[in-house]
Amino acid sequence: MKRFLSALVALLMLAVCVTAGSANEVKSDYYDCTGERFSGLQLPYLEDGGLPSEDDFITDEDIASHKLTFINLWDNNCYYCMLEMPHLKQLCEEYSDRGLFMVGVCYNKIQGGNYAAEYQYAQQNGTPYPIVQADMNINRMAAHNSFVPQSFLVDSTGGIIEFIPGAYENYQDFADTVEYWLDLIDSGETYTVTFMDGATNEVIEAQSVPAGHCPIFPEVPAHTGYTFDGWDADHVGGVSEDMTITANYTAARYRVRFFDSITGNKIGQVFVDYGQPAEAPEAPEHEGYVFVGWDKDISCITSGMDVYTVYAPAGGLLGDVDGSGTITANDALAI
């Protein structure tokens, strides 16, 4: 029975481990965290025995003091996690001088708050970067995907410029990724990211964003009759060129019904987007009457409405000087 339980636990742990393949072959069934942000990080360092520290943390200040932060979520029971650990160690040793900050985050849901095995592994293998416990921020982001390993490349403002959903197969894939971002950041270029309002076609905000950093999405303007339907570019990571991102809106749709004022019968209905004109049906003909129009303005629909035909006697309406079909104050002034 003990052997069976041990095998079952091993299978369960393996089930949450995944490989992303090579750099050109990543999983398609995952949530891309690129473009999201870490804020308020408080990751406790692991102390002797694998217990999280109560007063020593990695925070936003540590992220801000480095050009690029590589946050790797791992678990010592995960085969692919352990497979990539030597690559991450080499990555830290080769790129720390260029501003890379490597962080290993223990993400073992079974062991709870004690990470003795992870701590022991890091000590025995001379892991040159800090091993910490996940905080609420990491857990929230990691919850989008139910596997380890997963890694986040983060700019100095906390923006996730790239998400790695699993484990790369070889060191060179890691090195190429890190080198690309460090080269871009070191270029010193600045790009303009323009946020447009899709409802008004006006500029919401234009940001000057350093190369290799994430833009900060502005608050979306509210428009009567429209619902914000997302941006046309989701998961925007580190920028490498000028770009325009547009806020998409969906117009509210209203029902407009048309009635014959003489018979009371409905003669048609249409559904119209907010602010657009309604296309009226052909008005019925009635002996002795002339159709002169509709009783409501249908040139700009802002709500649902019932619209009725307006008729005048075929011989004309006595006192209707302007020929509008009704007698108004204008007719009185014209007499």
C-alpha atoms as a PDB file:
ATOM      1  CA  MET A   1       0.000   0.000   0.000  1.00  0.00           C
ATOM      2  CA  LYS A   2       2.812   2.426   0.843  1.00  0.00           C
ATOM      3  CA  ARG A   3       4.424   1.755  -2.524  1.00  0.00           C
ATOM      4  CA  PHE A   4       1.086   2.387  -4.246  1.00  0.00           C
ATOM      5  CA  LEU A   5       0.569   5.684  -2.426  1.00  0.00           C
ATOM      6  CA  SER A   6       4.106   6.789  -3.199  1.00  0.00           C
ATOM      7  CA  ALA A   7       3.626   6.001  -6.869  1.00  0.00           C
ATOM      8  CA  LEU A   8       0.302   7.830  -6.901  1.00  0.00           C
ATOM      9  CA  VAL A   9       1.812  10.962  -5.361  1.00  0.00           C
ATOM     10  CA  ALA A  10       4.649  10.858  -7.885  1.00  0.00           C
ATOM     11  CA  LEU A  11       2.183  10.625 -10.759  1.00  0.00           C
ATOM     12  CA  LEU A  12       0.141  13.525  -9.391  1.00  0.00           C
ATOM     13  CA  MET A  13       3.224  15.705  -9.109  1.00  0.00           C
ATOM     14  CA  LEU A  14       4.344  14.782 -12.605  1.00  0.00           C
ATOM     15  CA  ALA A  15       0.910  15.685 -13.932  1.00  0.00           C
ATOM     16  CA  VAL A  16       1.378  19.330 -13.017  1.00  0.00           C
ATOM     17  CA  CYS A  17       4.796  19.474 -14.661  1.00  0.00           C
ATOM     18  CA  VAL A  18       4.990  20.447 -18.326  1.00  0.00           C
ATOM     19  CA  THR A  19       7.606  21.212 -20.925  1.00  0.00           C
ATOM     20  CA  ALA A  20       7.201  24.079 -23.339  1.00  0.00           C
ATOM     21  CA  GLY A  21       9.465  22.356 -25.841  1.00  0.00           C
ATOM     22  CA  SER A  22      12.056  24.372 -27.715  1.00  0.00           C
ATOM     23  CA  ALA A  23      11.978  28.172 -28.020  1.00  0.00           C
ATOM     24  CA  ASN A  24       9.960  27.813 -31.228  1.00  0.00           C
ATOM     25  CA  GLU A  25       7.484  25.247 -29.885  1.00  0.00           C
ATOM     26  CA  VAL A  26       5.496  26.442 -26.869  1.00  0.00           C
ATOM     27  CA  LYS A  27       2.191  25.198 -25.497  1.00  0.00           C
ATOM     28  CA  SER A  28      -0.968  26.636 -26.985  1.00  0.00           C
ATOM     29  CA  ASP A  29      -3.292  25.757 -24.109  1.00  0.00           C
ATOM     30  CA  TYR A  30      -2.143  28.252 -21.507  1.00  0.00           C
ATOM     31  CA  TYR A  31      -2.985  31.733 -20.294  1.00  0.00           C
ATOM     32  CA  ASP A  32      -0.381  34.238 -21.430  1.00  0.00           C
ATOM     33  CA  CYS A  33       0.581  36.455 -18.486  1.00  0.00           C
ATOM     34  CA  THR A  34       2.635  38.774 -20.715  1.00  0.00           C
ATOM     35  CA  GLY A  35       1.726  42.411 -20.138  1.00  0.00           C
ATOM     36  CA  GLU A  36       0.422  41.935 -16.601  1.00  0.00           C
ATOM     37  CA  ARG A  37       2.206  43.412 -13.596  1.00  0.00           C
ATOM     38  CA  PHE A  38       3.662  42.471 -10.258  1.00  0.00           C
ATOM     39  CA  SER A  39       3.114  45.084  -7.582  1.00  0.00           C
ATOM     40  CA  GLY A  40       3.603  44.924  -3.830  1.00  0.00           C
ATOM     41  CA  LEU A  41       5.844  41.849  -3.942  1.00  0.00           C
ATOM     42  CA  GLN A  42       6.946  40.448  -0.596  1.00  0.00           C
ATOM     43  CA  LEU A  43       8.701  37.136  -1.191  1.00  0.00           C
ATOM     44  CA  PRO A  44      10.227  35.642   1.998  1.00  0.00           C
ATOM     45  CA  TYR A  45      13.742  34.227   1.705  1.00  0.00           C
ATOM     46  CA  LEU A  46      14.061  30.616   2.844  1.00  0.00           C
ATOM     47  CA  GLU A  47      16.105  30.228   6.011  1.00  0.00           C
ATOM     48  CA  ASP A  48      17.769  27.146   7.529  1.00  0.00           C
ATOM     49  CA  GLY A  49      15.452  24.163   7.258  1.00  0.00           C
ATOM     50  CA  GLY A  50      13.403  25.720   4.460  1.00  0.00           C
ATOM     51  CA  LEU A  51      11.210  27.935   6.623  1.00  0.00           C
ATOM     52  CA  PRO A  52      10.259  31.332   5.130  1.00  0.00           C
ATOM     53  CA  SER A  53      11.811  34.343   6.800  1.00  0.00           C
ATOM     54  CA  GLU A  54       9.595  36.677   8.785  1.00  0.00           C
ATOM     55  CA  ASP A  55      11.658  39.794   8.113  1.00  0.00           C
ATOM     56  CA  ASP A  56      13.761  39.288   4.980  1.00  0.00           C
ATOM     57  CA  PHE A  57      11.977  39.652   1.651  1.00  0.00           C
ATOM     58  CA  ILE A  58      12.404  40.331  -2.036  1.00  0.00           C
ATOM     59  CA  THR A  59      10.271  43.386  -2.810  1.00  0.00           C
ATOM     60  CA  ASP A  60       9.453  45.775  -5.640  1.00  0.00           C
ATOM     61  CA  GLU A  61      12.615  47.713  -4.767  1.00  0.00           C
ATOM     62  CA  ASP A  62      14.744  44.701  -5.703  1.00  0.00           C
ATOM     63  CA  ILE A  63      12.927  44.438  -9.032  1.00  0.00           C
ATOM     64  CA  ALA A  64      13.384  48.166  -9.686  1.00  0.00           C
ATOM     65  CA  SER A  65      17.134  47.979  -9.038  1.00  0.00           C
ATOM     66  CA  HIS A  66      17.730  45.487 -11.864  1.00  0.00           C
ATOM     67  CA  LYS A  67      17.341  45.765 -15.622  1.00  0.00           C
ATOM     68  CA  LEU A  68      15.689  42.368 -15.942  1.00  0.00           C
ATOM     69  CA  THR A  69      14.278  39.970 -13.360  1.00  0.00           C
ATOM     70  CA  PHE A  70      13.783  36.276 -14.134  1.00  0.00           C
ATOM     71  CA  ILE A  71      11.202  34.748 -11.767  1.00  0.00           C
ATOM     72  CA  ASN A  72      11.099  30.944 -11.998  1.00  0.00           C
ATOM     73  CA  LEU A  73       8.376  28.908 -10.270  1.00  0.00           C
ATOM     74  CA  TRP A  74       9.543  25.394  -9.461  1.00  0.00           C
ATOM     75  CA  ASP A  75       8.968  22.341  -7.285  1.00  0.00           C
ATOM     76  CA  ASN A  76      11.566  19.707  -6.420  1.00  0.00           C
ATOM     77  CA  ASN A  77       9.035  16.951  -7.240  1.00  0.00           C
ATOM     78  CA  CYS A  78       8.698  18.230 -10.803  1.00  0.00           C
ATOM     79  CA  TYR A  79      10.925  16.450 -13.321  1.00  0.00           C
ATOM     80  CA  TYR A  80      11.097  19.337 -15.789  1.00  0.00           C
ATOM     81  CA  CYS A  81      11.751  21.829 -12.990  1.00  0.00           C
ATOM     82  CA  MET A  82      14.820  19.911 -11.935  1.00  0.00           C
ATOM     83  CA  LEU A  83      15.879  19.436 -15.553  1.00  0.00           C
ATOM     84  CA  GLU A  84      16.123  23.178 -16.141  1.00  0.00           C
ATOM     85  CA  MET A  85      17.753  24.131 -12.812  1.00  0.00           C
ATOM     86  CA  PRO A  86      21.361  23.755 -14.108  1.00  0.00           C
ATOM     87  CA  HIS A  87      20.437  26.013 -17.059  1.00  0.00           C
ATOM     88  CA  LEU A  88      19.061  28.663 -14.706  1.00  0.00           C
ATOM     89  CA  LYS A  89      22.190  28.452 -12.555  1.00  0.00           C
ATOM     90  CA  GLN A  90      24.382  29.012 -15.625  1.00  0.00           C
ATOM     91  CA  LEU A  91      22.101  31.836 -16.778  1.00  0.00           C
ATOM     92  CA  CYS A  92      22.516  33.627 -13.453  1.00  0.00           C
ATOM     93  CA  GLU A  93      26.286  33.206 -13.490  1.00  0.00           C
ATOM     94  CA  GLU A  94      26.671  34.517 -17.036  1.00  0.00           C
ATOM     95  CA  TYR A  95      24.218  37.428 -17.075  1.00  0.00           C
ATOM     96  CA  SER A  96      24.095  38.830 -13.538  1.00  0.00           C
ATOM     97  CA  ASP A  97      26.828  41.315 -14.434  1.00  0.00           C
ATOM     98  CA  ARG A  98      24.577  42.705 -17.164  1.00  0.00           C
ATOM     99  CA  GLY A  99      21.738  43.384 -14.742  1.00  0.00           C
ATOM    100  CA  LEU A 100      19.880  40.061 -14.633  1.00  0.00           C
ATOM    101  CA  PHE A 101      18.265  39.222 -11.291  1.00  0.00           C
ATOM    102  CA  MET A 102      17.332  35.554 -10.988  1.00  0.00           C
ATOM    103  CA  VAL A 103      14.748  34.477  -8.403  1.00  0.00           C
ATOM    104  CA  GLY A 104      13.615  30.909  -7.692  1.00  0.00           C
ATOM    105  CA  VAL A 105      10.124  30.719  -6.193  1.00  0.00           C
ATOM    106  CA  CYS A 106       9.044  27.537  -4.417  1.00  0.00           C
ATOM    107  CA  TYR A 107       5.582  26.598  -5.606  1.00  0.00           C
ATOM    108  CA  ASN A 108       4.870  23.323  -3.846  1.00  0.00           C
ATOM    109  CA  LYS A 109       1.205  23.124  -2.922  1.00  0.00           C
ATOM    110  CA  ILE A 110       1.550  19.820  -1.060  1.00  0.00           C
ATOM    111  CA  GLN A 111       4.247  20.700   1.455  1.00  0.00           C
ATOM    112  CA  GLY A 112       2.573  23.916   2.538  1.00  0.00           C
ATOM    113  CA  GLY A 113       4.852  26.365   4.324  1.00  0.00           C
ATOM    114  CA  ASN A 114       7.898  24.135   4.762  1.00  0.00           C
ATOM    115  CA  TYR A 115      10.303  23.897   1.839  1.00  0.00           C
ATOM    116  CA  ALA A 116      13.021  21.751   3.385  1.00  0.00           C
ATOM    117  CA  ALA A 117      13.630  19.687   0.225  1.00  0.00           C
ATOM    118  CA  GLU A 118      13.909  22.748  -2.013  1.00  0.00           C
ATOM    119  CA  TYR A 119      16.206  24.475   0.461  1.00  0.00           C
ATOM    120  CA  GLN A 120      18.423  21.395   0.722  1.00  0.00           C
ATOM    121  CA  TYR A 121      18.633  21.071  -3.062  1.00  0.00           C
ATOM    122  CA  ALA A 122      19.647  24.717  -3.436  1.00  0.00           C
ATOM    123  CA  GLN A 123      22.331  24.341  -0.761  1.00  0.00           C
ATOM    124  CA  GLN A 124      23.755  21.109  -2.143  1.00  0.00           C
ATOM    125  CA  ASN A 125      23.884  22.352  -5.733  1.00  0.00           C
ATOM    126  CA  GLY A 126      25.293  25.782  -4.975  1.00  0.00           C
ATOM    127  CA  THR A 127      22.307  27.665  -6.437  1.00  0.00           C
ATOM    128  CA  PRO A 128      23.701  31.204  -6.859  1.00  0.00           C
ATOM    129  CA  TYR A 129      20.375  33.016  -6.746  1.00  0.00           C
ATOM    130  CA  PRO A 130      17.824  33.480  -3.945  1.00  0.00           C
ATOM    131  CA  ILE A 131      15.180  30.829  -3.287  1.00  0.00           C
ATOM    132  CA  VAL A 132      11.984  32.308  -1.841  1.00  0.00           C
ATOM    133  CA  GLN A 133       8.414  31.439  -0.983  1.00  0.00           C
ATOM    134  CA  ALA A 134       5.544  32.630  -3.196  1.00  0.00           C
ATOM    135  CA  ASP A 135       3.410  35.473  -1.891  1.00  0.00           C
ATOM    136  CA  MET A 136      -0.167  36.450  -2.795  1.00  0.00           C
ATOM    137  CA  ASN A 137       1.010  38.286  -5.919  1.00  0.00           C
ATOM    138  CA  ILE A 138       2.876  35.277  -7.277  1.00  0.00           C
ATOM    139  CA  ASN A 139       0.046  32.912  -6.369  1.00  0.00           C
ATOM    140  CA  ARG A 140      -2.483  35.115  -8.146  1.00  0.00           C
ATOM    141  CA  MET A 141      -0.417  35.187 -11.324  1.00  0.00           C
ATOM    142  CA  ALA A 142       0.513  31.501 -11.189  1.00  0.00           C
ATOM    143  CA  ALA A 143      -3.123  30.497 -10.707  1.00  0.00           C
ATOM    144  CA  HIS A 144      -3.804  31.338 -14.362  1.00  0.00           C
ATOM    145  CA  ASN A 145      -1.925  28.140 -15.238  1.00  0.00           C
ATOM    146  CA  SER A 146      -1.945  24.921 -13.235  1.00  0.00           C
ATOM    147  CA  PHE A 147       1.564  23.750 -14.023  1.00  0.00           C
ATOM    148  CA  VAL A 148       5.204  24.139 -13.104  1.00  0.00           C
ATOM    149  CA  PRO A 149       7.675  25.215 -14.150  1.00  0.00           C
ATOM    150  CA  GLN A 150       6.561  28.600 -15.379  1.00  0.00           C
ATOM    151  CA  SER A 151       8.727  31.698 -15.596  1.00  0.00           C
ATOM    152  CA  PHE A 152       8.204  35.439 -15.829  1.00  0.00           C
ATOM    153  CA  LEU A 153      10.660  37.921 -17.328  1.00  0.00           C
ATOM    154  CA  VAL A 154       9.976  41.214 -15.588  1.00  0.00           C
ATOM    155  CA  ASP A 155      11.096  44.763 -16.365  1.00  0.00           C
ATOM    156  CA  SER A 156      12.228  47.235 -13.705  1.00  0.00           C
ATOM    157  CA  THR A 157       8.676  48.545 -13.238  1.00  0.00           C
ATOM    158  CA  GLY A 158       7.168  45.123 -12.523  1.00  0.00           C
ATOM    159  CA  GLY A 159       5.738  44.571 -15.996  1.00  0.00           C
ATOM    160  CA  ILE A 160       5.876  41.017 -17.355  1.00  0.00           C
ATOM    161  CA  ILE A 161       7.629  41.424 -20.706  1.00  0.00           C
ATOM    162  CA  GLU A 162       7.570  37.704 -21.512  1.00  0.00           C
ATOM    163  CA  PHE A 163       5.980  34.571 -20.060  1.00  0.00           C
ATOM    164  CA  ILE A 164       7.595  31.142 -20.449  1.00  0.00           C
ATOM    165  CA  PRO A 165       4.932  28.419 -20.089  1.00  0.00           C
ATOM    166  CA  GLY A 166       7.018  25.441 -19.057  1.00  0.00           C
ATOM    167  CA  ALA A 167      10.652  24.428 -19.435  1.00  0.00           C
ATOM    168  CA  TYR A 168      12.989  25.108 -22.326  1.00  0.00           C
ATOM    169  CA  GLU A 169      14.868  22.015 -23.474  1.00  0.00           C
ATOM    170  CA  ASN A 170      18.350  23.523 -23.519  1.00  0.00           C
ATOM    171  CA  TYR A 171      20.420  26.320 -22.096  1.00  0.00           C
ATOM    172  CA  GLN A 172      20.775  28.207 -25.375  1.00  0.00           C
ATOM    173  CA  ASP A 173      17.023  28.860 -25.543  1.00  0.00           C
ATOM    174  CA  PHE A 174      17.212  30.554 -22.139  1.00  0.00           C
ATOM    175  CA  ALA A 175      20.335  32.491 -23.091  1.00  0.00           C
ATOM    176  CA  ASP A 176      18.851  33.704 -26.379  1.00  0.00           C
ATOM    177  CA  THR A 177      15.723  34.944 -24.594  1.00  0.00           C
ATOM    178  CA  VAL A 178      17.586  36.785 -21.826  1.00  0.00           C
ATOM    179  CA  GLU A 179      20.150  38.233 -24.223  1.00  0.00           C
ATOM    180  CA  TYR A 180      17.424  39.540 -26.534  1.00  0.00           C
ATOM    181  CA  TRP A 181      15.765  41.483 -23.724  1.00  0.00           C
ATOM    182  CA  LEU A 182      18.997  42.774 -22.197  1.00  0.00           C
ATOM    183  CA  ASP A 183      20.202  43.970 -25.617  1.00  0.00           C
ATOM    184  CA  LEU A 184      16.882  45.724 -26.202  1.00  0.00           C
ATOM    185  CA  ILE A 185      16.914  47.370 -22.785  1.00  0.00           C
ATOM    186  CA  ASP A 186      20.566  48.389 -23.182  1.00  0.00           C
ATOM    187  CA  SER A 187      19.792  50.024 -26.537  1.00  0.00           C
ATOM    188  CA  GLY A 188      18.438  53.034 -24.666  1.00  0.00           C
ATOM    189  CA  GLU A 189      15.736  53.516 -27.291  1.00  0.00           C
ATOM    190  CA  THR A 190      12.347  54.956 -26.404  1.00  0.00           C
ATOM    191  CA  TYR A 191       9.151  54.130 -28.269  1.00  0.00           C
ATOM    192  CA  THR A 192       5.777  55.839 -28.401  1.00  0.00           C
ATOM    193  CA  VAL A 193       2.753  53.788 -27.453  1.00  0.00           C
ATOM    194  CA  THR A 194      -0.454  55.592 -28.402  1.00  0.00           C
ATOM    195  CA  PHE A 195      -3.747  54.544 -26.831  1.00  0.00           C
ATOM    196  CA  MET A 196      -6.772  55.388 -28.975  1.00  0.00           C
ATOM    197  CA  ASP A 197     -10.460  55.633 -28.116  1.00  0.00           C
ATOM    198  CA  GLY A 198     -12.275  53.419 -30.622  1.00  0.00           C
ATOM    199  CA  ALA A 199     -15.602  55.139 -29.990  1.00  0.00           C
ATOM    200  CA  THR A 200     -14.432  58.701 -30.664  1.00  0.00           C
ATOM    201  CA  ASN A 201     -11.193  58.033 -32.569  1.00  0.00           C
ATOM    202  CA  GLU A 202      -9.427  60.400 -30.165  1.00  0.00           C
ATOM    203  CA  VAL A 203      -6.101  59.835 -28.404  1.00  0.00           C
ATOM    204  CA  ILE A 204      -6.553  58.682 -24.810  1.00  0.00           C
ATOM    205  CA  GLU A 205      -2.873  58.879 -23.953  1.00  0.00           C
ATOM    206  CA  ALA A 206       0.534  58.699 -25.614  1.00  0.00           C
ATOM    207  CA  GLN A 207       3.344  57.158 -23.563  1.00  0.00           C
ATOM    208  CA  SER A 208       7.093  57.221 -24.092  1.00  0.00           C
ATOM    209  CA  VAL A 209       8.142  53.708 -23.124  1.00  0.00           C
ATOM    210  CA  PRO A 210      11.783  52.598 -22.770  1.00  0.00           C
ATOM    211  CA  ALA A 211      12.710  49.710 -25.054  1.00  0.00           C
ATOM    212  CA  GLY A 212      12.040  46.335 -23.472  1.00  0.00           C
ATOM    213  CA  HIS A 213       9.505  47.694 -20.989  1.00  0.00           C
ATOM    214  CA  CYS A 214       5.747  47.214 -20.777  1.00  0.00           C
ATOM    215  CA  PRO A 215       3.397  50.135 -21.405  1.00  0.00           C
ATOM    216  CA  ILE A 216       0.945  51.008 -18.645  1.00  0.00           C
ATOM    217  CA  PHE A 217      -2.607  50.777 -19.911  1.00  0.00           C
ATOM    218  CA  PRO A 218      -4.619  53.901 -19.063  1.00  0.00           C
ATOM    219  CA  GLU A 219      -8.108  54.042 -17.610  1.00  0.00           C
ATOM    220  CA  VAL A 220     -10.715  53.473 -20.289  1.00  0.00           C
ATOM    221  CA  PRO A 221     -13.101  56.374 -21.013  1.00  0.00           C
ATOM    222  CA  ALA A 222     -16.780  55.657 -20.393  1.00  0.00           C
ATOM    223  CA  HIS A 223     -19.268  56.479 -23.155  1.00  0.00           C
ATOM    224  CA  THR A 224     -23.036  56.559 -22.899  1.00  0.00           C
ATOM    225  CA  GLY A 225     -24.505  53.853 -25.066  1.00  0.00           C
ATOM    226  CA  TYR A 226     -21.251  51.899 -25.371  1.00  0.00           C
ATOM    227  CA  THR A 227     -19.623  49.044 -23.437  1.00  0.00           C
ATOM    228  CA  PHE A 228     -15.839  48.660 -23.332  1.00  0.00           C
ATOM    229  CA  ASP A 229     -14.953  45.433 -25.134  1.00  0.00           C
ATOM    230  CA  GLY A 230     -11.209  45.193 -24.508  1.00  0.00           C
ATOM    231  CA  TRP A 231      -8.110  46.479 -26.263  1.00  0.00           C
ATOM    232  CA  ASP A 232      -7.240  45.404 -29.794  1.00  0.00           C
ATOM    233  CA  ALA A 233      -3.789  44.313 -28.573  1.00  0.00           C
ATOM    234  CA  ASP A 234      -3.787  42.060 -25.524  1.00  0.00           C
ATOM    235  CA  HIS A 235      -0.776  40.801 -23.578  1.00  0.00           C
ATOM    236  CA  VAL A 236       1.556  43.580 -24.728  1.00  0.00           C
ATOM    237  CA  GLY A 237       5.019  42.827 -23.352  1.00  0.00           C
ATOM    238  CA  GLY A 238       8.282  44.696 -23.766  1.00  0.00           C
ATOM    239  CA  VAL A 239       7.984  47.168 -26.640  1.00  0.00           C
ATOM    240  CA  SER A 240      10.453  47.190 -29.518  1.00  0.00           C
ATOM    241  CA  GLU A 241       8.728  49.686 -31.830  1.00  0.00           C
ATOM    242  CA  ASP A 242       6.163  52.472 -31.903  1.00  0.00           C
ATOM    243  CA  MET A 243       2.669  51.085 -31.646  1.00  0.00           C
ATOM    244  CA  THR A 244      -0.990  52.072 -31.447  1.00  0.00           C
ATOM    245  CA  ILE A 245      -3.438  50.268 -29.173  1.00  0.00           C
ATOM    246  CA  THR A 246      -7.148  50.933 -29.548  1.00  0.00           C
ATOM    247  CA  ALA A 247      -9.916  50.556 -26.986  1.00  0.00           C
ATOM    248  CA  ASN A 248     -12.764  48.612 -28.573  1.00  0.00           C
ATOM    249  CA  TYR A 249     -16.372  49.352 -27.697  1.00  0.00           C
ATOM    250  CA  THR A 250     -19.652  47.637 -28.443  1.00  0.00           C
ATOM    251  CA  ALA A 251     -22.635  49.897 -29.074  1.00  0.00           C
ATOM    252  CA  ALA A 252     -25.876  49.185 -27.245  1.00  0.00           C
ATOM    253  CA  ARG A 253     -28.629  47.932 -29.558  1.00  0.00           C
ATOM    254  CA  TYR A 254     -32.214  49.139 -29.311  1.00  0.00           C
ATOM    255  CA  ARG A 255     -35.473  47.871 -30.760  1.00  0.00           C
ATOM    256  CA  VAL A 256     -37.523  50.307 -32.787  1.00  0.00           C
ATOM    257  CA  ARG A 257     -41.059  49.211 -33.636  1.00  0.00           C
ATOM    258  CA  PHE A 258     -43.186  50.840 -36.330  1.00  0.00           C
ATOM    259  CA  PHE A 259     -46.991  50.981 -36.141  1.00  0.00           C
ATOM    260  CA  ASP A 260     -49.831  52.055 -38.412  1.00  0.00           C
ATOM    261  CA  SER A 261     -51.626  54.800 -36.502  1.00  0.00           C
ATOM    262  CA  ILE A 262     -54.894  54.128 -38.328  1.00  0.00           C
ATOM    263  CA  THR A 263     -55.169  50.361 -37.862  1.00  0.00           C
ATOM    264  CA  GLY A 264     -52.868  49.964 -34.845  1.00  0.00           C
ATOM    265  CA  ASN A 265     -51.049  47.118 -36.604  1.00  0.00           C
ATOM    266  CA  LYS A 266     -47.287  46.691 -36.276  1.00  0.00           C
ATOM    267  CA  ILE A 267     -45.717  47.115 -39.687  1.00  0.00           C
ATOM    268  CA  GLY A 268     -42.124  46.343 -38.824  1.00  0.00           C
ATOM    269  CA  GLN A 269     -39.256  46.511 -36.379  1.00  0.00           C
ATOM    270  CA  VAL A 270     -35.495  46.993 -36.536  1.00  0.00           C
ATOM    271  CA  PHE A 271     -32.589  46.761 -34.097  1.00  0.00           C
ATOM    272  CA  VAL A 272     -30.362  49.798 -34.213  1.00  0.00           C
ATOM    273  CA  ASP A 273     -26.942  50.539 -32.710  1.00  0.00           C
ATOM    274  CA  TYR A 274     -26.759  53.491 -30.364  1.00  0.00           C
ATOM    275  CA  GLY A 275     -26.505  56.816 -32.204  1.00  0.00           C
ATOM    276  CA  GLN A 276     -27.420  55.362 -35.602  1.00  0.00           C
ATOM    277  CA  PRO A 277     -30.534  56.100 -37.681  1.00  0.00           C
ATOM    278  CA  ALA A 278     -33.394  53.614 -37.904  1.00  0.00           C
ATOM    279  CA  GLU A 279     -34.456  52.413 -41.323  1.00  0.00           C
ATOM    280  CA  ALA A 280     -38.224  52.806 -41.523  1.00  0.00           C
ATOM    281  CA  PRO A 281     -40.483  50.398 -43.398  1.00  0.00           C
ATOM    282  CA  GLU A 282     -42.773  51.494 -46.174  1.00  0.00           C
ATOM    283  CA  ALA A 283     -45.883  53.112 -44.705  1.00  0.00           C
ATOM    284  CA  PRO A 284     -49.246  51.487 -45.587  1.00  0.00           C
ATOM    285  CA  GLU A 285     -51.546  53.365 -47.929  1.00  0.00           C
ATOM    286  CA  HIS A 286     -55.053  54.271 -46.803  1.00  0.00           C
ATOM    287  CA  GLU A 287     -57.837  55.595 -49.021  1.00  0.00           C
ATOM    288  CA  GLY A 288     -58.516  59.236 -48.304  1.00  0.00           C
ATOM    289  CA  TYR A 289     -55.232  59.785 -46.484  1.00  0.00           C
ATOM    290  CA  VAL A 290     -51.731  60.845 -47.381  1.00  0.00           C
ATOM    291  CA  PHE A 291     -48.697  59.634 -45.419  1.00  0.00           C
ATOM    292  CA  VAL A 292     -46.698  62.630 -44.194  1.00  0.00           C
ATOM    293  CA  GLY A 293     -44.093  61.053 -41.892  1.00  0.00           C
ATOM    294  CA  TRP A 294     -43.448  59.453 -38.511  1.00  0.00           C
ATOM    295  CA  ASP A 295     -44.364  60.820 -35.118  1.00  0.00           C
ATOM    296  CA  LYS A 296     -40.795  60.537 -33.704  1.00  0.00           C
ATOM    297  CA  ASP A 297     -37.321  61.477 -34.889  1.00  0.00           C
ATOM    298  CA  ILE A 298     -35.536  58.287 -35.946  1.00  0.00           C
ATOM    299  CA  SER A 299     -32.325  59.894 -37.223  1.00  0.00           C
ATOM    300  CA  CYS A 300     -30.354  59.150 -34.021  1.00  0.00           C
ATOM    301  CA  ILE A 301     -31.547  56.290 -31.851  1.00  0.00           C
ATOM    302  CA  THR A 302     -30.591  56.416 -28.181  1.00  0.00           C
ATOM    303  CA  SER A 303     -33.278  54.180 -26.688  1.00  0.00           C
ATOM    304  CA  GLY A 304     -35.954  51.715 -27.643  1.00  0.00           C
ATOM    305  CA  MET A 305     -39.128  53.291 -28.991  1.00  0.00           C
ATOM    306  CA  ASP A 306     -42.458  52.758 -30.717  1.00  0.00           C
ATOM    307  CA  VAL A 307     -43.003  54.940 -33.790  1.00  0.00           C
ATOM    308  CA  TYR A 308     -46.361  55.650 -35.450  1.00  0.00           C
ATOM    309  CA  THR A 309     -47.321  56.830 -38.909  1.00  0.00           C
ATOM    310  CA  VAL A 310     -48.714  60.318 -39.369  1.00  0.00           C
ATOM    311  CA  TYR A 311     -51.416  60.800 -42.041  1.00  0.00           C
ATOM    312  CA  ALA A 312     -53.315  63.831 -43.351  1.00  0.00           C
ATOM    313  CA  PRO A 313     -56.596  63.871 -45.252  1.00  0.00           C
ATOM    314  CA  ALA A 314     -56.015  63.519 -48.973  1.00  0.00           C
ATOM    315  CA  GLY A 315     -57.627  66.899 -49.588  1.00  0.00           C
ATOM    316  CA  GLY A 316     -55.378  68.565 -47.115  1.00  0.00           C
ATOM    317  CA  LEU A 317     -55.909  69.505 -43.496  1.00  0.00           C
ATOM    318  CA  LEU A 318     -57.760  72.745 -42.919  1.00  0.00           C
ATOM    319  CA  GLY A 319     -55.402  75.235 -41.306  1.00  0.00           C
ATOM    320  CA  ASP A 320     -52.259  73.218 -42.196  1.00  0.00           C
ATOM    321  CA  VAL A 321     -50.513  76.108 -43.944  1.00  0.00           C
ATOM    322  CA  ASP A 322     -46.994  74.657 -44.015  1.00  0.00           C
ATOM    323  CA  GLY A 323     -48.183  71.223 -45.194  1.00  0.00           C
ATOM    324  CA  SER A 324     -46.684  69.360 -42.264  1.00  0.00           C
ATOM    325  CA  GLY A 325     -49.786  67.237 -41.789  1.00  0.00           C
ATOM    326  CA  THR A 326     -50.587  68.755 -38.415  1.00  0.00           C
ATOM    327  CA  ILE A 327     -51.762  72.141 -37.252  1.00  0.00           C
ATOM    328  CA  THR A 328     -49.099  73.877 -35.207  1.00  0.00           C
ATOM    329  CA  ALA A 329     -48.203  77.348 -33.916  1.00  0.00           C
ATOM    330  CA  ASN A 330     -46.227  77.898 -37.105  1.00  0.00           C
ATOM    331  CA  ASP A 331     -49.438  77.571 -39.109  1.00  0.00           C
ATOM    332  CA  ALA A 332     -51.137  80.138 -36.898  1.00  0.00           C
ATOM    333  CA  LEU A 333     -48.298  82.635 -37.401  1.00  0.00           C
ATOM    334  CA  ALA A 334     -48.391  82.098 -41.156  1.00  0.00           C
ATOM    335  CA  ILE A 335     -52.090  82.922 -41.510  1.00  0.00           C
END
